[in-house]
Amino acid sequence: MARYIKREIWIEETEVELPVSEVMTIAEAAKHLGVYTQAVSLALDRGDLTLIINQGAPKRQGRRLVLRSEVEAWRQRRERRKTPERTANVTYSW
């Protein structure tokens, strides 16, 4: 178990222990979602994703992490939006 700091909208910090399998870097999340890293960073800034800070990592090298479960939920929401709604085939006879 690794020790991380969980930051709640830049106000409250709580020390949590999470298995490495439950967190991912911003770059990994972006690749998983098929978006740019800036999109994931903006989601963190908006509070859509929970920011986890790995204090043991050097800056700009995997220090800011996100919860894998939240990234997966975001991916499922995105996939639902991409799926076109089925419409009834309508034929007109004039």
N, C-alpha and C. Protein backbone atom coordinates (compact mmCIF):
# COMPACT_ATOMS: atom_id res chain seq x y z
N MET A 1 0.83 -1.18 0.00
CA MET A 1 0.00 0.00 0.00
C MET A 1 0.88 1.24 0.00
N ALA A 2 0.55 2.16 -0.87
CA ALA A 2 1.28 3.42 -0.93
C ALA A 2 0.48 4.48 -0.19
N ARG A 3 1.16 5.45 0.34
CA ARG A 3 0.50 6.53 1.08
C ARG A 3 0.41 7.75 0.17
N TYR A 4 -0.79 8.29 0.05
CA TYR A 4 -1.05 9.43 -0.80
C TYR A 4 -1.80 10.50 -0.01
N ILE A 5 -1.84 11.69 -0.55
CA ILE A 5 -2.64 12.77 0.00
C ILE A 5 -3.84 12.97 -0.93
N LYS A 6 -5.02 12.97 -0.39
CA LYS A 6 -6.24 13.20 -1.16
C LYS A 6 -6.65 14.65 -0.96
N ARG A 7 -6.77 15.38 -2.04
CA ARG A 7 -7.09 16.81 -1.94
C ARG A 7 -8.52 17.02 -2.43
N GLU A 8 -9.35 17.59 -1.58
CA GLU A 8 -10.75 17.84 -1.89
C GLU A 8 -10.91 19.30 -2.29
N ILE A 9 -11.02 19.55 -3.56
CA ILE A 9 -11.22 20.89 -4.13
C ILE A 9 -10.32 21.93 -3.47
N TRP A 10 -9.06 21.59 -3.32
CA TRP A 10 -8.03 22.50 -2.87
C TRP A 10 -8.24 23.05 -1.47
N ILE A 11 -9.14 22.48 -0.70
CA ILE A 11 -9.41 23.00 0.63
C ILE A 11 -8.91 22.04 1.71
N GLU A 12 -9.29 20.81 1.62
CA GLU A 12 -9.00 19.85 2.67
C GLU A 12 -8.07 18.76 2.14
N GLU A 13 -7.08 18.42 2.92
CA GLU A 13 -6.17 17.34 2.56
C GLU A 13 -6.31 16.23 3.59
N THR A 14 -6.40 15.02 3.11
CA THR A 14 -6.52 13.85 3.96
C THR A 14 -5.50 12.83 3.51
N GLU A 15 -4.78 12.26 4.42
CA GLU A 15 -3.81 11.22 4.06
C GLU A 15 -4.54 9.90 3.95
N VAL A 16 -4.39 9.24 2.82
CA VAL A 16 -5.08 7.97 2.57
C VAL A 16 -4.06 6.95 2.09
N GLU A 17 -4.39 5.69 2.31
CA GLU A 17 -3.56 4.60 1.79
C GLU A 17 -4.36 3.90 0.70
N LEU A 18 -3.81 3.90 -0.50
CA LEU A 18 -4.47 3.27 -1.63
C LEU A 18 -3.51 2.32 -2.32
N PRO A 19 -4.03 1.20 -2.80
CA PRO A 19 -3.17 0.34 -3.62
C PRO A 19 -2.84 1.06 -4.93
N VAL A 20 -1.70 0.78 -5.46
CA VAL A 20 -1.27 1.42 -6.70
C VAL A 20 -2.25 1.14 -7.83
N SER A 21 -2.94 0.02 -7.78
CA SER A 21 -3.89 -0.34 -8.84
C SER A 21 -5.13 0.56 -8.85
N GLU A 22 -5.37 1.34 -7.80
CA GLU A 22 -6.56 2.19 -7.73
C GLU A 22 -6.33 3.61 -8.20
N VAL A 23 -5.09 3.96 -8.55
CA VAL A 23 -4.79 5.31 -9.02
C VAL A 23 -4.05 5.23 -10.35
N MET A 24 -4.09 6.33 -11.09
CA MET A 24 -3.36 6.42 -12.35
C MET A 24 -2.92 7.86 -12.56
N THR A 25 -1.87 8.03 -13.35
CA THR A 25 -1.38 9.38 -13.64
C THR A 25 -2.34 10.08 -14.59
N ILE A 26 -2.15 11.38 -14.71
CA ILE A 26 -2.98 12.15 -15.65
C ILE A 26 -2.75 11.67 -17.08
N ALA A 27 -1.51 11.37 -17.42
CA ALA A 27 -1.21 10.89 -18.77
C ALA A 27 -1.88 9.55 -19.04
N GLU A 28 -1.85 8.65 -18.07
CA GLU A 28 -2.51 7.36 -18.23
C GLU A 28 -4.03 7.53 -18.38
N ALA A 29 -4.59 8.42 -17.58
CA ALA A 29 -6.04 8.67 -17.66
C ALA A 29 -6.41 9.24 -19.02
N ALA A 30 -5.61 10.18 -19.53
CA ALA A 30 -5.88 10.77 -20.84
C ALA A 30 -5.82 9.71 -21.93
N LYS A 31 -4.82 8.86 -21.87
CA LYS A 31 -4.69 7.79 -22.86
C LYS A 31 -5.87 6.83 -22.79
N HIS A 32 -6.29 6.49 -21.57
CA HIS A 32 -7.42 5.58 -21.35
C HIS A 32 -8.71 6.18 -21.90
N LEU A 33 -8.86 7.49 -21.77
CA LEU A 33 -10.08 8.17 -22.22
C LEU A 33 -10.03 8.59 -23.68
N GLY A 34 -8.82 8.64 -24.24
CA GLY A 34 -8.70 9.10 -25.62
C GLY A 34 -8.81 10.62 -25.74
N VAL A 35 -8.33 11.33 -24.72
CA VAL A 35 -8.36 12.80 -24.73
C VAL A 35 -6.95 13.31 -24.44
N TYR A 36 -6.77 14.62 -24.53
CA TYR A 36 -5.49 15.24 -24.18
C TYR A 36 -5.37 15.35 -22.67
N THR A 37 -4.13 15.46 -22.19
CA THR A 37 -3.90 15.60 -20.76
C THR A 37 -4.54 16.87 -20.21
N GLN A 38 -4.66 17.89 -21.05
CA GLN A 38 -5.28 19.14 -20.60
C GLN A 38 -6.75 18.92 -20.22
N ALA A 39 -7.43 18.03 -20.91
CA ALA A 39 -8.83 17.75 -20.58
C ALA A 39 -8.95 17.14 -19.19
N VAL A 40 -8.03 16.25 -18.86
CA VAL A 40 -8.04 15.63 -17.53
C VAL A 40 -7.67 16.66 -16.47
N SER A 41 -6.70 17.51 -16.76
CA SER A 41 -6.31 18.56 -15.82
C SER A 41 -7.46 19.53 -15.56
N LEU A 42 -8.19 19.88 -16.61
CA LEU A 42 -9.35 20.76 -16.44
C LEU A 42 -10.43 20.09 -15.60
N ALA A 43 -10.64 18.79 -15.79
CA ALA A 43 -11.61 18.06 -14.97
C ALA A 43 -11.20 18.07 -13.51
N LEU A 44 -9.89 17.98 -13.25
CA LEU A 44 -9.39 18.07 -11.87
C LEU A 44 -9.64 19.46 -11.31
N ASP A 45 -9.38 20.49 -12.10
CA ASP A 45 -9.58 21.87 -11.64
C ASP A 45 -11.06 22.17 -11.36
N ARG A 46 -11.95 21.59 -12.17
CA ARG A 46 -13.39 21.78 -11.97
C ARG A 46 -13.92 20.98 -10.79
N GLY A 47 -13.16 19.97 -10.36
CA GLY A 47 -13.63 19.11 -9.27
C GLY A 47 -14.40 17.90 -9.77
N ASP A 48 -14.36 17.64 -11.08
CA ASP A 48 -15.03 16.46 -11.63
C ASP A 48 -14.30 15.18 -11.25
N LEU A 49 -13.00 15.28 -11.04
CA LEU A 49 -12.18 14.15 -10.62
C LEU A 49 -11.48 14.51 -9.31
N THR A 50 -11.21 13.52 -8.50
CA THR A 50 -10.53 13.73 -7.23
C THR A 50 -9.02 13.71 -7.46
N LEU A 51 -8.35 14.72 -6.96
CA LEU A 51 -6.90 14.82 -7.09
C LEU A 51 -6.23 14.07 -5.95
N ILE A 52 -5.33 13.18 -6.31
CA ILE A 52 -4.52 12.44 -5.36
C ILE A 52 -3.07 12.85 -5.60
N ILE A 53 -2.35 13.23 -4.56
CA ILE A 53 -0.98 13.68 -4.71
C ILE A 53 -0.05 12.64 -4.12
N ASN A 54 0.88 12.18 -4.94
CA ASN A 54 1.91 11.25 -4.50
C ASN A 54 3.10 12.09 -4.06
N GLN A 55 3.27 12.27 -2.76
CA GLN A 55 4.33 13.13 -2.25
C GLN A 55 5.72 12.56 -2.51
N GLY A 56 5.81 11.27 -2.74
CA GLY A 56 7.11 10.66 -2.96
C GLY A 56 7.63 10.83 -4.37
N ALA A 57 6.77 11.21 -5.30
CA ALA A 57 7.19 11.35 -6.70
C ALA A 57 7.72 12.75 -6.96
N PRO A 58 8.70 12.87 -7.86
CA PRO A 58 9.18 14.21 -8.23
C PRO A 58 8.11 14.96 -9.02
N LYS A 59 8.15 16.28 -8.97
CA LYS A 59 7.18 17.09 -9.72
C LYS A 59 7.28 16.78 -11.20
N ARG A 60 6.12 16.83 -11.87
CA ARG A 60 6.00 16.58 -13.30
C ARG A 60 6.35 15.14 -13.69
N GLN A 61 6.37 14.25 -12.74
CA GLN A 61 6.64 12.86 -13.05
C GLN A 61 5.71 11.94 -12.27
N GLY A 62 4.43 12.11 -12.46
CA GLY A 62 3.47 11.23 -11.81
C GLY A 62 3.11 11.63 -10.40
N ARG A 63 3.28 12.90 -10.06
CA ARG A 63 2.94 13.36 -8.71
C ARG A 63 1.43 13.52 -8.54
N ARG A 64 0.77 14.07 -9.56
CA ARG A 64 -0.69 14.24 -9.52
C ARG A 64 -1.36 13.00 -10.10
N LEU A 65 -2.22 12.38 -9.30
CA LEU A 65 -2.88 11.14 -9.70
C LEU A 65 -4.39 11.32 -9.63
N VAL A 66 -5.10 10.43 -10.29
CA VAL A 66 -6.56 10.40 -10.24
C VAL A 66 -7.00 8.99 -9.88
N LEU A 67 -8.22 8.89 -9.37
CA LEU A 67 -8.77 7.58 -9.02
C LEU A 67 -9.21 6.84 -10.28
N ARG A 68 -8.78 5.62 -10.40
CA ARG A 68 -9.11 4.81 -11.57
C ARG A 68 -10.62 4.62 -11.72
N SER A 69 -11.33 4.47 -10.61
CA SER A 69 -12.79 4.26 -10.66
C SER A 69 -13.50 5.49 -11.24
N GLU A 70 -13.02 6.69 -10.90
CA GLU A 70 -13.64 7.91 -11.44
C GLU A 70 -13.35 8.07 -12.93
N VAL A 71 -12.15 7.69 -13.34
CA VAL A 71 -11.80 7.76 -14.77
C VAL A 71 -12.66 6.78 -15.56
N GLU A 72 -12.85 5.59 -15.02
CA GLU A 72 -13.67 4.59 -15.70
C GLU A 72 -15.13 5.05 -15.79
N ALA A 73 -15.65 5.67 -14.74
CA ALA A 73 -17.02 6.19 -14.78
C ALA A 73 -17.14 7.30 -15.82
N TRP A 74 -16.12 8.16 -15.92
CA TRP A 74 -16.11 9.23 -16.92
C TRP A 74 -16.10 8.64 -18.32
N ARG A 75 -15.33 7.59 -18.51
CA ARG A 75 -15.25 6.93 -19.81
C ARG A 75 -16.61 6.35 -20.20
N GLN A 76 -17.29 5.73 -19.26
CA GLN A 76 -18.61 5.16 -19.55
C GLN A 76 -19.61 6.25 -19.92
N ARG A 77 -19.56 7.40 -19.23
CA ARG A 77 -20.45 8.51 -19.59
C ARG A 77 -20.16 9.01 -21.00
N ARG A 78 -18.87 9.11 -21.34
CA ARG A 78 -18.49 9.56 -22.69
C ARG A 78 -18.97 8.58 -23.75
N GLU A 79 -18.85 7.29 -23.48
CA GLU A 79 -19.27 6.28 -24.45
C GLU A 79 -20.78 6.32 -24.66
N ARG A 80 -21.54 6.57 -23.60
CA ARG A 80 -22.99 6.67 -23.75
C ARG A 80 -23.38 7.85 -24.63
N ARG A 81 -22.61 8.95 -24.53
CA ARG A 81 -22.91 10.12 -25.37
C ARG A 81 -22.58 9.85 -26.83
N LYS A 82 -21.55 9.04 -27.09
CA LYS A 82 -21.14 8.76 -28.45
C LYS A 82 -22.10 7.84 -29.18
N THR A 83 -22.82 6.98 -28.45
CA THR A 83 -23.72 6.02 -29.05
C THR A 83 -24.92 6.74 -29.64
N PRO A 84 -25.10 6.64 -30.95
CA PRO A 84 -26.25 7.32 -31.55
C PRO A 84 -27.56 6.66 -31.12
N GLU A 85 -28.53 7.49 -30.91
CA GLU A 85 -29.84 6.96 -30.54
C GLU A 85 -30.48 6.31 -31.75
N ARG A 86 -31.15 5.23 -31.50
CA ARG A 86 -31.81 4.55 -32.61
C ARG A 86 -33.10 5.29 -32.94
N THR A 87 -33.29 5.50 -34.21
CA THR A 87 -34.52 6.12 -34.66
C THR A 87 -35.26 5.15 -35.54
N ALA A 88 -36.54 5.26 -35.58
CA ALA A 88 -37.35 4.36 -36.41
C ALA A 88 -37.12 4.70 -37.86
N ASN A 89 -37.03 3.67 -38.68
CA ASN A 89 -36.91 3.90 -40.11
C ASN A 89 -38.26 4.35 -40.65
N VAL A 90 -38.28 5.51 -41.18
CA VAL A 90 -39.53 6.07 -41.70
C VAL A 90 -39.41 6.18 -43.21
N THR A 91 -40.38 5.67 -43.88
CA THR A 91 -40.42 5.81 -45.35
C THR A 91 -41.66 6.62 -45.71
N TYR A 92 -41.44 7.48 -46.66
CA TYR A 92 -42.54 8.32 -47.11
C TYR A 92 -42.94 7.89 -48.52
N SER A 93 -44.21 7.81 -48.76
CA SER A 93 -44.67 7.54 -50.12
C SER A 93 -45.52 8.72 -50.54
N TRP A 94 -45.10 9.34 -51.60
CA TRP A 94 -45.80 10.56 -52.04
C TRP A 94 -46.73 10.26 -53.13
